Amino acid sequence: MMMFLMMMFFMIPLCLKKNMFWMVQMMLFFMMFLFMNVSVKFTLINNLSYMLSLDILSYGLILLSIWISILMIMSSENLYKMNFYYNFFLLNLILLLIMLFLTFSVMNMFMFYLFFEGSLIPTLMLIIGWGYQPERVQAGMYLLFYTLFVSLPLLMGIFYVFNEVNCMMMYFLKFINLNMYMLYFSMILAFLVKMPMYFVHLWLPKAHVEAPVSGSMILAGIMLKLGGYGLLRLMIFLQEINMKMNYIWIVISLVGGFYISLKCFCQVDIKSLIAYSSVAHMSIVISGIMIMNYWGLIGSYILMLGHGLCSSGMFCLANISYERLHSRSLYINKGMMNFMPCMSLWWFLLMSSNMAAPPSMNLMGEISLINSLVSWSWLSMMMLMLLSFFSAGYSLYLYSFVQHGKYYFGLYSYYTGVSREYLLLFLHWFPLNIMLLKIDYMMIWI
């Protein structure tokens, strides 16, 4: 594990040299393939090095982090062409990747907290430094204060746990059981805001709308998964109290997810619509984790990975239109099929994955989550039906609005897709659907 960490550290000087934009991407590709060859035992903690380790849960999320970082560089070619501080952009990206790598691989709970919060800073830099509109500063403040407001109780909770059991290693905590209300709320709220749960989700659409394409990709692809990862790790020693309290989160998530799905139909901004759809998907993930049965946990893990690739791909599509039309409005991005018939296929493929059509990972994750929620209470079936239906509804709404209809007559020049963009979309869609063939790896990580 230290090997990959050192590799990322030694890539920092490469970021600061001139004309090394694609070289950094090549190095990340190389690192990705090295990491794919790491052997991971299903039930064991392995690849141990100083404070770092790996199990299936960490492995999938680190792999996703490296992959999304590669695609972030690919989608941000405009920065390189315009010479818009691209060295600093690459440096920021590598620092963010180091933070995420450490978050997913450290065993110590305090170090996890440190890197969990530390990953916020490069993301904030991305939004404020490379965002498009002046409101990006306000969006950055939203992101910062929503997250920081609930992270102090988490820190206090971690110190309390250490004081009680004299241990901070996540894997040893499964032998203890802390049945305390205050501790439970202080530990769990930070992750629910990061997910984000309905009621504390307002920072997400704001951050997405103002972020550059790379910022949106990392937010949707990885940042939302940090909350799920934290919950999956810390639920180990909060099991008894969670069994008493879980119905609160499940009800909020299911009803909130349904309400957000309806809200998607009111959006006129493409990025905002995709961001709200992320909140709706994450609400089912929260429910699956809170139920704490086998189907729920594996379903939430699979859906997190699937959503990371799918949502990131959809933001790339939105950016491809934005680079040509300089607008994210649905009313201006109409009739795209006239200009880019090939891109219409990619819109269709990623939208179908978003509505959990086979053979995407989203389907497998949603089937597992529906199974777990119905086994917990048959009443949840009502909300799940509405959620699944409207999820397909807003995906179709977005696709038909963008692709069909009369195109905007204010257009005076336009160019079709370039090979880099098609490759970028292929690299989102291909793993999302091909991983279904190896779904057994994700089904036995508990």
Protein backbone atom coordinates (compact mmCIF):
# COMPACT_ATOMS: atom_id res chain seq x y z
CA MET A 1 0.00 0.00 0.00
CA MET A 2 2.90 2.35 0.74
CA MET A 3 4.12 1.64 -2.76
CA PHE A 4 1.08 3.36 -4.29
CA LEU A 5 1.30 6.21 -1.80
CA MET A 6 4.94 6.83 -2.70
CA MET A 7 4.06 6.69 -6.39
CA MET A 8 1.49 9.43 -5.94
CA PHE A 9 3.90 11.57 -3.91
CA PHE A 10 6.57 11.26 -6.60
CA MET A 11 4.04 12.33 -9.22
CA ILE A 12 3.77 15.78 -7.58
CA PRO A 13 6.97 17.21 -9.24
CA LEU A 14 5.63 15.88 -12.57
CA CYS A 15 2.51 18.02 -12.14
CA LEU A 16 4.58 21.19 -11.87
CA LYS A 17 6.52 20.73 -15.10
CA LYS A 18 5.34 22.24 -18.38
CA ASN A 19 3.52 20.11 -20.96
CA MET A 20 3.14 17.13 -18.61
CA PHE A 21 -0.67 17.17 -18.61
CA TRP A 22 -1.14 13.85 -20.42
CA MET A 23 1.94 12.31 -18.80
CA VAL A 24 0.28 12.55 -15.39
CA GLN A 25 -2.75 10.78 -16.82
CA MET A 26 -0.56 8.02 -18.26
CA MET A 27 1.12 7.55 -14.88
CA LEU A 28 -2.28 7.27 -13.21
CA PHE A 29 -3.31 4.67 -15.80
CA PHE A 30 -0.14 2.75 -14.99
CA MET A 31 -0.90 2.97 -11.27
CA MET A 32 -4.46 1.82 -11.90
CA PHE A 33 -3.31 -1.36 -13.62
CA LEU A 34 -0.75 -2.02 -10.90
CA PHE A 35 -3.47 -1.61 -8.28
CA MET A 36 -5.84 -3.91 -10.17
CA ASN A 37 -3.27 -6.69 -9.78
CA VAL A 38 -3.14 -6.40 -5.99
CA SER A 39 -4.43 -9.65 -4.55
CA VAL A 40 -7.30 -9.14 -2.12
CA LYS A 41 -8.57 -11.98 0.05
CA PHE A 42 -12.31 -11.87 0.57
CA THR A 43 -12.65 -12.11 4.32
CA LEU A 44 -9.20 -11.00 5.45
CA ILE A 45 -7.49 -7.71 5.99
CA ASN A 46 -4.38 -7.87 3.85
CA ASN A 47 -1.70 -5.83 2.10
CA LEU A 48 -0.75 -4.47 5.50
CA SER A 49 1.83 -1.73 5.71
CA TYR A 50 2.36 1.06 8.22
CA MET A 51 -1.22 1.85 9.38
CA LEU A 52 -2.61 1.00 5.93
CA SER A 53 -4.55 -2.06 4.90
CA LEU A 54 -6.99 -3.31 2.32
CA ASP A 55 -10.16 -5.35 2.23
CA ILE A 56 -12.75 -5.70 -0.53
CA LEU A 57 -14.66 -2.61 0.63
CA SER A 58 -11.57 -0.36 0.51
CA TYR A 59 -10.27 -1.98 -2.66
CA GLY A 60 -13.35 -1.17 -4.77
CA LEU A 61 -13.51 2.43 -3.59
CA ILE A 62 -9.78 3.12 -4.09
CA LEU A 63 -10.02 1.62 -7.57
CA LEU A 64 -12.97 3.92 -8.29
CA SER A 65 -11.03 6.95 -6.96
CA ILE A 66 -8.04 6.32 -9.24
CA TRP A 67 -10.29 5.67 -12.23
CA ILE A 68 -12.35 8.84 -11.72
CA SER A 69 -9.14 10.87 -11.30
CA ILE A 70 -7.88 9.59 -14.68
CA LEU A 71 -11.19 10.55 -16.29
CA MET A 72 -11.13 13.97 -14.60
CA ILE A 73 -7.89 14.80 -16.41
CA MET A 74 -9.35 13.52 -19.67
CA SER A 75 -12.47 15.67 -19.33
CA SER A 76 -10.51 18.83 -18.46
CA GLU A 77 -8.59 19.23 -21.69
CA ASN A 78 -9.96 22.77 -22.04
CA LEU A 79 -7.80 23.89 -19.10
CA TYR A 80 -4.73 22.61 -20.91
CA LYS A 81 -5.67 24.21 -24.24
CA MET A 82 -6.37 27.57 -22.61
CA ASN A 83 -3.31 27.27 -20.32
CA PHE A 84 -5.59 27.94 -17.36
CA TYR A 85 -3.37 27.06 -14.36
CA TYR A 86 -3.36 23.43 -15.39
CA ASN A 87 -0.22 22.64 -13.33
CA PHE A 88 -1.98 23.73 -10.17
CA PHE A 89 -5.04 21.78 -11.28
CA LEU A 90 -2.98 18.58 -11.58
CA LEU A 91 -1.31 19.21 -8.24
CA ASN A 92 -4.73 19.70 -6.64
CA LEU A 93 -5.98 16.50 -8.21
CA ILE A 94 -3.03 14.40 -7.02
CA LEU A 95 -3.36 15.80 -3.48
CA LEU A 96 -7.07 14.95 -3.53
CA LEU A 97 -6.30 11.43 -4.74
CA ILE A 98 -3.72 10.97 -1.96
CA MET A 99 -6.31 12.08 0.60
CA LEU A 100 -8.94 9.70 -0.78
CA PHE A 101 -6.47 6.81 -0.99
CA LEU A 102 -5.54 7.32 2.66
CA THR A 103 -9.17 7.75 3.76
CA PHE A 104 -10.14 4.41 2.29
CA SER A 105 -7.06 2.51 3.47
CA VAL A 106 -6.19 3.71 6.99
CA MET A 107 -7.20 1.47 9.89
CA ASN A 108 -6.97 4.06 12.63
CA MET A 109 -10.25 5.88 13.27
CA PHE A 110 -8.64 9.24 14.02
CA MET A 111 -6.52 9.12 10.87
CA PHE A 112 -9.67 8.25 8.95
CA TYR A 113 -11.33 11.37 10.35
CA LEU A 114 -8.30 13.48 9.44
CA PHE A 115 -8.21 12.42 5.80
CA PHE A 116 -12.02 12.34 5.55
CA GLU A 117 -12.10 16.05 6.38
CA GLY A 118 -8.85 16.78 4.54
CA SER A 119 -10.31 15.67 1.21
CA LEU A 120 -12.69 18.63 1.52
CA ILE A 121 -9.93 21.20 0.96
CA PRO A 122 -8.78 20.19 -2.56
CA THR A 123 -12.46 19.86 -3.57
CA LEU A 124 -13.11 23.36 -2.30
CA MET A 125 -10.08 24.59 -4.29
CA LEU A 126 -11.47 22.93 -7.42
CA ILE A 127 -14.86 24.61 -7.06
CA ILE A 128 -13.58 28.07 -6.15
CA GLY A 129 -10.57 28.01 -8.49
CA TRP A 130 -12.03 26.53 -11.66
CA GLY A 131 -15.80 27.03 -11.29
CA TYR A 132 -17.72 28.96 -13.93
CA GLN A 133 -19.99 31.48 -12.16
CA PRO A 134 -19.33 34.04 -9.38
CA GLU A 135 -21.73 32.12 -7.08
CA ARG A 136 -19.06 29.43 -6.74
CA VAL A 137 -17.73 31.13 -3.59
CA GLN A 138 -21.15 30.80 -1.93
CA ALA A 139 -21.36 27.16 -3.08
CA GLY A 140 -17.92 26.53 -1.59
CA MET A 141 -19.01 28.05 1.72
CA TYR A 142 -22.12 25.84 1.74
CA LEU A 143 -19.97 22.77 1.14
CA LEU A 144 -17.48 23.75 3.83
CA PHE A 145 -19.86 24.72 6.60
CA TYR A 146 -22.39 21.92 6.14
CA THR A 147 -19.55 19.42 6.43
CA LEU A 148 -17.57 21.14 9.19
CA PHE A 149 -20.64 21.80 11.36
CA VAL A 150 -21.18 18.07 11.90
CA SER A 151 -17.56 16.97 11.87
CA LEU A 152 -16.71 18.33 15.35
CA PRO A 153 -19.23 15.97 17.05
CA LEU A 154 -17.63 13.10 15.07
CA LEU A 155 -14.19 14.06 16.41
CA MET A 156 -15.55 14.25 19.97
CA GLY A 157 -17.18 10.84 19.45
CA ILE A 158 -13.92 9.30 18.24
CA PHE A 159 -12.08 10.67 21.31
CA TYR A 160 -14.81 9.29 23.58
CA VAL A 161 -14.55 5.83 22.00
CA PHE A 162 -10.77 5.91 22.46
CA ASN A 163 -11.23 6.94 26.10
CA GLU A 164 -13.65 4.06 26.69
CA VAL A 165 -11.89 1.18 24.94
CA ASN A 166 -8.28 2.41 24.46
CA CYS A 167 -8.34 1.37 20.84
CA MET A 168 -8.83 3.17 17.56
CA MET A 169 -8.32 0.35 15.10
CA MET A 170 -11.58 -0.12 13.18
CA TYR A 171 -11.22 -3.89 12.94
CA PHE A 172 -10.88 -4.41 16.70
CA LEU A 173 -13.97 -2.34 17.44
CA LYS A 174 -16.24 -5.17 16.32
CA PHE A 175 -15.70 -6.76 19.73
CA ILE A 176 -17.32 -3.86 21.58
CA ASN A 177 -20.85 -2.51 21.63
CA LEU A 178 -21.60 1.06 22.71
CA ASN A 179 -25.30 1.58 23.38
CA MET A 180 -25.36 5.38 23.78
CA TYR A 181 -27.69 7.85 22.09
CA MET A 182 -25.43 10.92 22.12
CA LEU A 183 -22.46 8.97 20.83
CA TYR A 184 -24.59 7.41 18.09
CA PHE A 185 -25.86 10.77 16.82
CA SER A 186 -22.47 12.46 17.02
CA MET A 187 -20.75 9.64 15.10
CA ILE A 188 -23.36 9.22 12.42
CA LEU A 189 -24.41 12.76 11.44
CA ALA A 190 -21.14 13.66 9.70
CA PHE A 191 -21.59 10.75 7.30
CA LEU A 192 -25.28 11.45 6.69
CA VAL A 193 -24.47 15.03 5.65
CA LYS A 194 -21.72 13.78 3.36
CA MET A 195 -24.00 11.21 1.70
CA PRO A 196 -26.14 13.53 1.66
CA MET A 197 -29.35 12.60 3.42
CA TYR A 198 -32.55 14.51 2.68
CA PHE A 199 -32.82 17.68 4.87
CA VAL A 200 -29.03 18.18 4.80
CA HIS A 201 -28.64 17.85 1.05
CA LEU A 202 -28.78 21.50 0.02
CA TRP A 203 -25.01 21.92 -0.31
CA LEU A 204 -24.81 19.24 -3.03
CA PRO A 205 -26.86 20.74 -5.91
CA LYS A 206 -25.25 24.13 -5.22
CA ALA A 207 -21.72 22.69 -5.28
CA HIS A 208 -22.44 20.66 -8.44
CA VAL A 209 -23.90 23.55 -10.38
CA GLU A 210 -20.95 25.84 -9.65
CA ALA A 211 -18.17 23.24 -9.90
CA PRO A 212 -16.16 22.64 -13.09
CA VAL A 213 -16.68 19.26 -14.75
CA SER A 214 -13.80 17.69 -12.81
CA GLY A 215 -15.23 18.99 -9.53
CA SER A 216 -18.64 17.54 -10.33
CA MET A 217 -17.09 14.20 -11.28
CA ILE A 218 -15.14 13.84 -8.05
CA LEU A 219 -18.10 15.06 -5.96
CA ALA A 220 -20.54 12.60 -7.52
CA GLY A 221 -18.04 9.80 -8.02
CA ILE A 222 -16.18 9.70 -4.72
CA MET A 223 -17.22 12.36 -2.19
CA LEU A 224 -20.72 10.96 -1.72
CA LYS A 225 -19.19 7.52 -1.20
CA LEU A 226 -17.09 8.71 1.73
CA GLY A 227 -20.25 8.96 3.83
CA GLY A 228 -21.35 5.43 2.92
CA TYR A 229 -17.87 4.05 3.60
CA GLY A 230 -17.78 5.74 7.02
CA LEU A 231 -21.19 4.34 7.93
CA LEU A 232 -20.22 0.82 6.85
CA ARG A 233 -17.05 1.02 8.97
CA LEU A 234 -18.49 2.62 12.12
CA MET A 235 -21.73 0.64 12.28
CA ILE A 236 -19.62 -2.22 13.68
CA PHE A 237 -19.71 -0.97 17.27
CA LEU A 238 -23.06 0.87 17.13
CA GLN A 239 -25.19 -2.12 16.17
CA GLU A 240 -27.49 -2.34 19.18
CA ILE A 241 -28.37 1.35 19.28
CA ASN A 242 -28.77 1.42 15.50
CA MET A 243 -31.42 -1.31 15.71
CA LYS A 244 -33.45 1.04 17.92
CA MET A 245 -32.94 4.16 15.82
CA ASN A 246 -32.67 2.97 12.22
CA TYR A 247 -36.34 3.48 11.34
CA ILE A 248 -35.83 7.27 11.63
CA TRP A 249 -33.17 7.37 8.91
CA ILE A 250 -34.98 4.87 6.70
CA VAL A 251 -38.26 6.83 6.77
CA ILE A 252 -36.49 10.16 6.14
CA SER A 253 -34.47 8.66 3.29
CA LEU A 254 -37.33 6.90 1.51
CA VAL A 255 -39.82 9.77 1.78
CA GLY A 256 -37.07 12.32 1.02
CA GLY A 257 -35.87 10.28 -1.96
CA PHE A 258 -39.39 10.24 -3.39
CA TYR A 259 -39.77 13.99 -2.85
CA ILE A 260 -36.38 14.69 -4.48
CA SER A 261 -37.39 12.51 -7.46
CA LEU A 262 -40.42 14.76 -7.95
CA LYS A 263 -38.18 17.80 -7.58
CA CYS A 264 -36.04 16.53 -10.49
CA PHE A 265 -38.97 17.21 -12.84
CA CYS A 266 -38.92 20.91 -11.80
CA GLN A 267 -35.27 21.52 -12.69
CA VAL A 268 -34.29 23.64 -15.68
CA ASP A 269 -30.55 23.19 -15.17
CA ILE A 270 -29.06 19.91 -16.47
CA LYS A 271 -26.38 19.73 -13.77
CA SER A 272 -28.87 20.49 -11.04
CA LEU A 273 -31.15 17.68 -12.26
CA ILE A 274 -28.29 15.16 -12.23
CA ALA A 275 -27.23 16.35 -8.75
CA TYR A 276 -30.76 15.87 -7.37
CA SER A 277 -30.90 12.40 -8.93
CA SER A 278 -27.72 11.58 -6.97
CA VAL A 279 -29.48 12.52 -3.73
CA ALA A 280 -32.39 10.22 -4.65
CA HIS A 281 -30.01 7.29 -5.30
CA MET A 282 -28.02 7.88 -2.13
CA SER A 283 -31.24 7.85 -0.08
CA ILE A 284 -31.74 4.17 -0.93
CA VAL A 285 -28.08 3.49 -0.05
CA ILE A 286 -28.57 5.06 3.41
CA SER A 287 -31.65 2.87 3.97
CA GLY A 288 -29.73 -0.27 2.94
CA ILE A 289 -26.85 0.48 5.33
CA MET A 290 -29.17 1.33 8.24
CA ILE A 291 -31.10 -1.94 8.02
CA MET A 292 -27.82 -3.82 8.54
CA ASN A 293 -28.77 -7.08 6.90
CA TYR A 294 -26.58 -8.86 4.37
CA TRP A 295 -28.51 -7.82 1.25
CA GLY A 296 -28.63 -4.20 2.40
CA LEU A 297 -24.89 -3.92 2.97
CA ILE A 298 -23.81 -5.53 -0.28
CA GLY A 299 -26.53 -3.65 -2.20
CA SER A 300 -25.37 -0.30 -0.83
CA TYR A 301 -21.75 -1.10 -1.75
CA ILE A 302 -22.63 -2.14 -5.32
CA LEU A 303 -24.92 0.85 -5.84
CA MET A 304 -22.23 3.22 -4.53
CA LEU A 305 -19.74 1.92 -7.10
CA GLY A 306 -22.32 1.89 -9.91
CA HIS A 307 -23.60 5.36 -9.11
CA GLY A 308 -20.02 6.69 -8.95
CA LEU A 309 -19.37 5.73 -12.57
CA CYS A 310 -22.85 6.52 -13.90
CA SER A 311 -23.27 9.94 -12.29
CA SER A 312 -19.75 10.98 -13.24
CA GLY A 313 -20.48 10.00 -16.88
CA MET A 314 -23.68 12.04 -16.88
CA PHE A 315 -21.81 15.12 -15.66
CA CYS A 316 -19.35 14.59 -18.52
CA LEU A 317 -22.26 14.57 -20.98
CA ALA A 318 -23.65 17.76 -19.47
CA ASN A 319 -20.21 19.36 -19.82
CA ILE A 320 -19.86 18.30 -23.46
CA SER A 321 -23.03 20.27 -24.24
CA TYR A 322 -21.92 23.14 -22.00
CA GLU A 323 -18.57 23.53 -23.80
CA ARG A 324 -20.44 24.06 -27.08
CA LEU A 325 -23.48 26.07 -26.00
CA HIS A 326 -22.09 27.82 -22.89
CA SER A 327 -25.37 27.14 -21.13
CA ARG A 328 -26.68 24.42 -18.86
CA SER A 329 -30.32 25.33 -19.37
CA LEU A 330 -32.62 22.58 -20.63
CA TYR A 331 -34.40 25.09 -22.85
CA ILE A 332 -31.21 25.92 -24.76
CA ASN A 333 -29.78 22.37 -24.79
CA LYS A 334 -32.59 21.02 -26.96
CA GLY A 335 -32.65 19.01 -30.18
CA MET A 336 -29.08 17.80 -29.71
CA MET A 337 -29.83 14.78 -31.88
CA ASN A 338 -29.68 17.10 -34.90
CA PHE A 339 -26.10 18.11 -34.14
CA MET A 340 -24.57 15.09 -32.43
CA PRO A 341 -26.39 11.90 -33.36
CA CYS A 342 -23.50 9.78 -32.03
CA MET A 343 -23.61 11.50 -28.66
CA SER A 344 -27.30 10.66 -28.48
CA LEU A 345 -26.31 7.00 -28.07
CA TRP A 346 -24.12 7.84 -25.08
CA TRP A 347 -26.88 9.91 -23.50
CA PHE A 348 -29.17 6.92 -23.91
CA LEU A 349 -26.66 4.39 -22.50
CA LEU A 350 -25.83 6.43 -19.41
CA MET A 351 -29.45 7.43 -18.78
CA SER A 352 -30.52 3.79 -19.00
CA SER A 353 -27.82 2.87 -16.46
CA ASN A 354 -29.05 5.71 -14.23
CA MET A 355 -32.55 4.24 -14.21
CA ALA A 356 -31.03 0.85 -13.27
CA ALA A 357 -31.57 -0.96 -16.55
CA PRO A 358 -29.64 -4.20 -17.12
CA PRO A 359 -26.75 -4.95 -17.40
CA SER A 360 -25.55 -2.04 -15.20
CA MET A 361 -24.29 -2.43 -11.65
CA ASN A 362 -27.04 -0.04 -10.53
CA LEU A 363 -29.58 -2.77 -11.30
CA MET A 364 -27.81 -5.34 -9.12
CA GLY A 365 -27.46 -2.81 -6.30
CA GLU A 366 -31.10 -1.74 -6.45
CA ILE A 367 -32.37 -5.34 -6.55
CA SER A 368 -30.33 -6.11 -3.41
CA LEU A 369 -31.54 -2.96 -1.67
CA ILE A 370 -35.18 -3.53 -2.60
CA ASN A 371 -34.87 -7.10 -1.29
CA SER A 372 -33.42 -5.89 2.01
CA LEU A 373 -35.95 -3.07 2.51
CA VAL A 374 -38.95 -5.28 1.80
CA SER A 375 -37.60 -7.94 4.18
CA TRP A 376 -37.36 -5.24 6.87
CA SER A 377 -40.91 -3.98 6.35
CA TRP A 378 -43.36 -4.64 3.55
CA LEU A 379 -44.66 -1.06 3.91
CA SER A 380 -41.41 0.24 2.40
CA MET A 381 -42.59 -1.38 -0.85
CA MET A 382 -44.85 1.63 -1.50
CA MET A 383 -41.99 4.12 -1.40
CA LEU A 384 -39.67 1.84 -3.36
CA MET A 385 -42.22 1.51 -6.16
CA LEU A 386 -42.53 5.29 -6.40
CA LEU A 387 -38.76 5.78 -6.18
CA SER A 388 -38.01 3.27 -8.94
CA PHE A 389 -40.76 4.62 -11.17
CA PHE A 390 -39.77 8.26 -10.84
CA SER A 391 -36.09 7.39 -11.18
CA ALA A 392 -36.90 6.05 -14.66
CA GLY A 393 -39.21 9.05 -15.17
CA TYR A 394 -36.67 11.84 -14.65
CA SER A 395 -34.00 9.95 -16.63
CA LEU A 396 -36.37 9.72 -19.60
CA TYR A 397 -37.44 13.34 -19.07
CA LEU A 398 -33.84 14.55 -19.23
CA TYR A 399 -32.99 12.38 -22.24
CA SER A 400 -36.05 13.35 -24.30
CA PHE A 401 -35.76 17.05 -23.40
CA VAL A 402 -32.08 17.26 -24.39
CA GLN A 403 -32.17 15.06 -27.49
CA HIS A 404 -35.53 15.84 -29.11
CA GLY A 405 -37.45 18.95 -30.03
CA LYS A 406 -36.49 22.05 -32.00
CA TYR A 407 -32.95 23.20 -31.49
CA TYR A 408 -32.15 26.66 -30.17
CA PHE A 409 -32.06 29.17 -33.04
CA GLY A 410 -29.47 31.38 -31.33
CA LEU A 411 -26.78 28.82 -32.21
CA TYR A 412 -24.33 30.07 -34.80
CA SER A 413 -21.43 27.62 -34.61
CA TYR A 414 -21.15 24.09 -33.36
CA TYR A 415 -18.76 21.17 -33.57
CA THR A 416 -19.52 17.51 -33.07
CA GLY A 417 -17.93 15.15 -30.57
CA VAL A 418 -14.19 14.48 -30.65
CA SER A 419 -12.57 11.08 -30.06
CA ARG A 420 -11.38 12.10 -26.56
CA GLU A 421 -14.99 12.65 -25.49
CA TYR A 422 -16.18 9.33 -26.87
CA LEU A 423 -13.31 7.55 -25.12
CA LEU A 424 -14.14 9.39 -21.89
CA LEU A 425 -17.77 8.25 -22.04
CA PHE A 426 -16.79 4.72 -23.01
CA LEU A 427 -14.47 4.49 -20.00
CA HIS A 428 -17.39 5.45 -17.75
CA TRP A 429 -19.93 3.14 -19.30
CA PHE A 430 -17.81 0.03 -19.97
CA PRO A 431 -16.70 -0.75 -16.37
CA LEU A 432 -20.19 0.12 -15.13
CA ASN A 433 -21.70 -2.68 -17.23
CA ILE A 434 -18.85 -5.16 -17.53
CA MET A 435 -18.41 -5.39 -13.75
CA LEU A 436 -21.73 -7.20 -13.57
CA LEU A 437 -19.82 -10.28 -14.80
CA LYS A 438 -17.72 -10.17 -11.63
CA ILE A 439 -20.49 -9.23 -9.23
CA ASP A 440 -19.55 -12.17 -6.96
CA TYR A 441 -16.51 -10.18 -5.73
CA MET A 442 -18.82 -7.55 -4.32
CA MET A 443 -21.34 -10.02 -2.92
CA ILE A 444 -18.96 -11.62 -0.41
CA TRP A 445 -17.04 -8.79 1.18
CA ILE A 446 -18.76 -8.96 4.57
